[in-house]
Amino acid sequence: MNILKKDMKNFTGNIKIIITENQYNSLLKILPPLLKRRINEEEMNLILQYVYSEVRHHLQPYYKDDFDSFAGDIVHAAVHDFIANEKGHEIETEIDPEFGEVWNNESRHMVFNLYWPLIPHIEKIAKDRLYELWMDIFYN
């Protein structure tokens, strides 16, 4: 049954994606040195769990004919959430008179730009599983 006909809020599709040791070692060979020192295998698997949590937010009919947008949007959102939730402590803060303690924009951009190079690698690792899920959601 097409998931769009189901209650999307209750979607709990099986999308377990785990980075293998081989994939992680291959990734370490191509990541910039600064990023290599800041991300470990456990954190890579955590990012993949963020991918899982993003899937149900992207069950929209307009993705039916566009797998690349479906997968890309999920991975971008997952990496963004990973950075904000897990690496936010690396971002300097400042005091805003209206909002209190907030992230410093320059520092935020620097930290986010440091981790953005992970996106194509996460897309590659998760692509097959996301494709299976996309086919199941929109075409089964």
C-alpha atoms as a PDB file:
ATOM      1  CA  MET A   1       0.000   0.000   0.000  1.00  0.00           C
ATOM      2  CA  ASN A   2       1.298   3.439  -0.891  1.00  0.00           C
ATOM      3  CA  ILE A   3       2.363   5.202   2.303  1.00  0.00           C
ATOM      4  CA  LEU A   4       0.828   8.451   1.102  1.00  0.00           C
ATOM      5  CA  LYS A   5      -2.551   6.806   1.642  1.00  0.00           C
ATOM      6  CA  LYS A   6      -1.578   5.938   5.228  1.00  0.00           C
ATOM      7  CA  ASP A   7      -1.206   8.247   8.176  1.00  0.00           C
ATOM      8  CA  MET A   8       2.237   9.738   7.471  1.00  0.00           C
ATOM      9  CA  LYS A   9       2.701  10.823  11.084  1.00  0.00           C
ATOM     10  CA  ASN A  10       2.843   7.176  12.136  1.00  0.00           C
ATOM     11  CA  PHE A  11       5.417   6.157   9.537  1.00  0.00           C
ATOM     12  CA  THR A  12       8.164   4.077  11.083  1.00  0.00           C
ATOM     13  CA  GLY A  13       9.694   2.551   7.966  1.00  0.00           C
ATOM     14  CA  ASN A  14      12.739   0.361   8.353  1.00  0.00           C
ATOM     15  CA  ILE A  15      15.675   2.400   7.101  1.00  0.00           C
ATOM     16  CA  LYS A  16      18.556   1.158   9.212  1.00  0.00           C
ATOM     17  CA  ILE A  17      21.723   2.401   7.521  1.00  0.00           C
ATOM     18  CA  ILE A  18      25.089   1.695   9.096  1.00  0.00           C
ATOM     19  CA  ILE A  19      28.466   2.727   7.785  1.00  0.00           C
ATOM     20  CA  THR A  20      30.760  -0.242   7.354  1.00  0.00           C
ATOM     21  CA  GLU A  21      34.348  -0.180   8.523  1.00  0.00           C
ATOM     22  CA  ASN A  22      35.452  -0.271   4.872  1.00  0.00           C
ATOM     23  CA  GLN A  23      33.240   2.704   3.991  1.00  0.00           C
ATOM     24  CA  TYR A  24      34.515   4.628   6.996  1.00  0.00           C
ATOM     25  CA  ASN A  25      38.179   3.914   6.168  1.00  0.00           C
ATOM     26  CA  SER A  26      37.601   4.929   2.536  1.00  0.00           C
ATOM     27  CA  LEU A  27      35.931   8.108   3.701  1.00  0.00           C
ATOM     28  CA  LEU A  28      38.861   8.977   5.955  1.00  0.00           C
ATOM     29  CA  LYS A  29      41.176   8.859   2.940  1.00  0.00           C
ATOM     30  CA  ILE A  30      39.288  11.623   1.149  1.00  0.00           C
ATOM     31  CA  LEU A  31      38.028  13.895   3.940  1.00  0.00           C
ATOM     32  CA  PRO A  32      39.902  17.119   4.656  1.00  0.00           C
ATOM     33  CA  PRO A  33      42.332  16.688   7.603  1.00  0.00           C
ATOM     34  CA  LEU A  34      40.432  19.089   9.856  1.00  0.00           C
ATOM     35  CA  LEU A  35      37.225  17.122   9.382  1.00  0.00           C
ATOM     36  CA  LYS A  36      38.985  13.762   9.854  1.00  0.00           C
ATOM     37  CA  ARG A  37      40.023  14.829  13.336  1.00  0.00           C
ATOM     38  CA  ARG A  38      36.487  15.893  14.250  1.00  0.00           C
ATOM     39  CA  ILE A  39      34.354  12.957  13.127  1.00  0.00           C
ATOM     40  CA  ASN A  40      34.578   9.324  14.140  1.00  0.00           C
ATOM     41  CA  GLU A  41      32.796   6.157  13.030  1.00  0.00           C
ATOM     42  CA  GLU A  42      30.236   6.421  15.829  1.00  0.00           C
ATOM     43  CA  GLU A  43      29.341   9.953  14.751  1.00  0.00           C
ATOM     44  CA  MET A  44      29.024   8.837  11.122  1.00  0.00           C
ATOM     45  CA  ASN A  45      26.496   6.245  12.251  1.00  0.00           C
ATOM     46  CA  LEU A  46      24.740   8.940  14.262  1.00  0.00           C
ATOM     47  CA  ILE A  47      24.413  11.051  11.103  1.00  0.00           C
ATOM     48  CA  LEU A  48      22.860   8.040   9.373  1.00  0.00           C
ATOM     49  CA  GLN A  49      20.347   7.815  12.217  1.00  0.00           C
ATOM     50  CA  TYR A  50      19.505  11.461  11.562  1.00  0.00           C
ATOM     51  CA  VAL A  51      18.831  10.384   7.959  1.00  0.00           C
ATOM     52  CA  TYR A  52      16.347   7.858   9.320  1.00  0.00           C
ATOM     53  CA  SER A  53      14.597  10.480  11.446  1.00  0.00           C
ATOM     54  CA  GLU A  54      14.303  12.860   8.475  1.00  0.00           C
ATOM     55  CA  VAL A  55      12.544  10.391   6.180  1.00  0.00           C
ATOM     56  CA  ARG A  56       9.100  10.845   7.654  1.00  0.00           C
ATOM     57  CA  HIS A  57       9.369  14.629   7.254  1.00  0.00           C
ATOM     58  CA  HIS A  58       9.909  14.164   3.517  1.00  0.00           C
ATOM     59  CA  LEU A  59       6.926  12.003   2.598  1.00  0.00           C
ATOM     60  CA  GLN A  60       5.445  14.555   0.238  1.00  0.00           C
ATOM     61  CA  PRO A  61       3.741  13.789  -3.072  1.00  0.00           C
ATOM     62  CA  TYR A  62       6.033  16.164  -4.998  1.00  0.00           C
ATOM     63  CA  TYR A  63       8.944  13.767  -4.360  1.00  0.00           C
ATOM     64  CA  LYS A  64       7.171  10.972  -6.254  1.00  0.00           C
ATOM     65  CA  ASP A  65       8.944  11.661  -9.537  1.00  0.00           C
ATOM     66  CA  ASP A  66      12.180  13.031  -8.143  1.00  0.00           C
ATOM     67  CA  PHE A  67      14.307  10.586  -6.141  1.00  0.00           C
ATOM     68  CA  ASP A  68      17.392  12.824  -6.267  1.00  0.00           C
ATOM     69  CA  SER A  69      15.543  15.670  -4.539  1.00  0.00           C
ATOM     70  CA  PHE A  70      14.011  13.253  -2.031  1.00  0.00           C
ATOM     71  CA  ALA A  71      17.399  11.779  -1.051  1.00  0.00           C
ATOM     72  CA  GLY A  72      19.287  15.072  -1.259  1.00  0.00           C
ATOM     73  CA  ASP A  73      16.810  16.967   0.904  1.00  0.00           C
ATOM     74  CA  ILE A  74      16.820  14.199   3.520  1.00  0.00           C
ATOM     75  CA  VAL A  75      20.618  14.050   3.707  1.00  0.00           C
ATOM     76  CA  HIS A  76      20.997  17.854   3.823  1.00  0.00           C
ATOM     77  CA  ALA A  77      18.447  18.100   6.639  1.00  0.00           C
ATOM     78  CA  ALA A  78      20.074  15.209   8.514  1.00  0.00           C
ATOM     79  CA  VAL A  79      23.573  16.697   8.320  1.00  0.00           C
ATOM     80  CA  HIS A  80      22.196  20.095   9.355  1.00  0.00           C
ATOM     81  CA  ASP A  81      20.450  18.568  12.384  1.00  0.00           C
ATOM     82  CA  PHE A  82      23.549  16.566  13.289  1.00  0.00           C
ATOM     83  CA  ILE A  83      25.687  19.711  13.257  1.00  0.00           C
ATOM     84  CA  ALA A  84      23.148  21.757  15.223  1.00  0.00           C
ATOM     85  CA  ASN A  85      22.483  19.072  17.834  1.00  0.00           C
ATOM     86  CA  GLU A  86      25.816  17.277  18.145  1.00  0.00           C
ATOM     87  CA  LYS A  87      28.393  19.897  17.140  1.00  0.00           C
ATOM     88  CA  GLY A  88      26.635  23.040  18.334  1.00  0.00           C
ATOM     89  CA  HIS A  89      29.068  23.253  21.234  1.00  0.00           C
ATOM     90  CA  GLU A  90      31.779  24.113  18.680  1.00  0.00           C
ATOM     91  CA  ILE A  91      29.908  27.284  17.689  1.00  0.00           C
ATOM     92  CA  GLU A  92      30.757  30.448  19.605  1.00  0.00           C
ATOM     93  CA  THR A  93      27.874  32.323  21.164  1.00  0.00           C
ATOM     94  CA  GLU A  94      27.133  35.940  21.870  1.00  0.00           C
ATOM     95  CA  ILE A  95      24.502  37.789  23.834  1.00  0.00           C
ATOM     96  CA  ASP A  96      21.626  39.328  21.905  1.00  0.00           C
ATOM     97  CA  PRO A  97      19.638  41.920  23.894  1.00  0.00           C
ATOM     98  CA  GLU A  98      16.346  40.556  22.581  1.00  0.00           C
ATOM     99  CA  PHE A  99      17.001  36.788  22.455  1.00  0.00           C
ATOM    100  CA  GLY A 100      19.735  36.207  25.038  1.00  0.00           C
ATOM    101  CA  GLU A 101      22.525  33.800  24.153  1.00  0.00           C
ATOM    102  CA  VAL A 102      22.644  33.054  20.407  1.00  0.00           C
ATOM    103  CA  TRP A 103      25.138  31.554  18.007  1.00  0.00           C
ATOM    104  CA  ASN A 104      27.629  33.956  16.508  1.00  0.00           C
ATOM    105  CA  ASN A 105      26.869  34.033  12.751  1.00  0.00           C
ATOM    106  CA  GLU A 106      30.490  33.944  11.643  1.00  0.00           C
ATOM    107  CA  SER A 107      31.277  31.009  13.932  1.00  0.00           C
ATOM    108  CA  ARG A 108      28.074  29.205  12.885  1.00  0.00           C
ATOM    109  CA  HIS A 109      28.981  29.532   9.207  1.00  0.00           C
ATOM    110  CA  MET A 110      32.508  28.318   9.882  1.00  0.00           C
ATOM    111  CA  VAL A 111      31.344  25.186  11.755  1.00  0.00           C
ATOM    112  CA  PHE A 112      28.569  24.355   9.287  1.00  0.00           C
ATOM    113  CA  ASN A 113      30.963  24.805   6.352  1.00  0.00           C
ATOM    114  CA  LEU A 114      33.415  22.471   8.054  1.00  0.00           C
ATOM    115  CA  TYR A 115      30.891  19.603   8.099  1.00  0.00           C
ATOM    116  CA  TRP A 116      29.078  20.245   4.761  1.00  0.00           C
ATOM    117  CA  PRO A 117      31.685  18.190   2.831  1.00  0.00           C
ATOM    118  CA  LEU A 118      30.164  15.099   4.471  1.00  0.00           C
ATOM    119  CA  ILE A 119      26.957  15.497   2.451  1.00  0.00           C
ATOM    120  CA  PRO A 120      28.002  13.785  -0.821  1.00  0.00           C
ATOM    121  CA  HIS A 121      29.557  10.930   1.156  1.00  0.00           C
ATOM    122  CA  ILE A 122      26.440  10.420   3.279  1.00  0.00           C
ATOM    123  CA  GLU A 123      24.340  10.524   0.097  1.00  0.00           C
ATOM    124  CA  LYS A 124      26.519   7.813  -1.418  1.00  0.00           C
ATOM    125  CA  ILE A 125      26.334   5.606   1.680  1.00  0.00           C
ATOM    126  CA  ALA A 126      22.564   6.014   2.119  1.00  0.00           C
ATOM    127  CA  LYS A 127      21.521   6.142  -1.554  1.00  0.00           C
ATOM    128  CA  ASP A 128      20.636   2.483  -2.131  1.00  0.00           C
ATOM    129  CA  ARG A 129      18.612   2.183   1.058  1.00  0.00           C
ATOM    130  CA  LEU A 130      16.853   5.503   0.443  1.00  0.00           C
ATOM    131  CA  TYR A 131      16.040   4.377  -3.105  1.00  0.00           C
ATOM    132  CA  GLU A 132      14.462   1.157  -1.812  1.00  0.00           C
ATOM    133  CA  LEU A 133      12.433   3.168   0.645  1.00  0.00           C
ATOM    134  CA  TRP A 134      11.429   5.752  -1.976  1.00  0.00           C
ATOM    135  CA  MET A 135      10.224   2.991  -4.310  1.00  0.00           C
ATOM    136  CA  ASP A 136       8.281   1.372  -1.470  1.00  0.00           C
ATOM    137  CA  ILE A 137       6.672   4.659  -0.429  1.00  0.00           C
ATOM    138  CA  PHE A 138       5.667   5.932  -3.836  1.00  0.00           C
ATOM    139  CA  TYR A 139       5.297   2.879  -6.063  1.00  0.00           C
ATOM    140  CA  ASN A 140       4.273  -0.151  -3.987  1.00  0.00           C
END
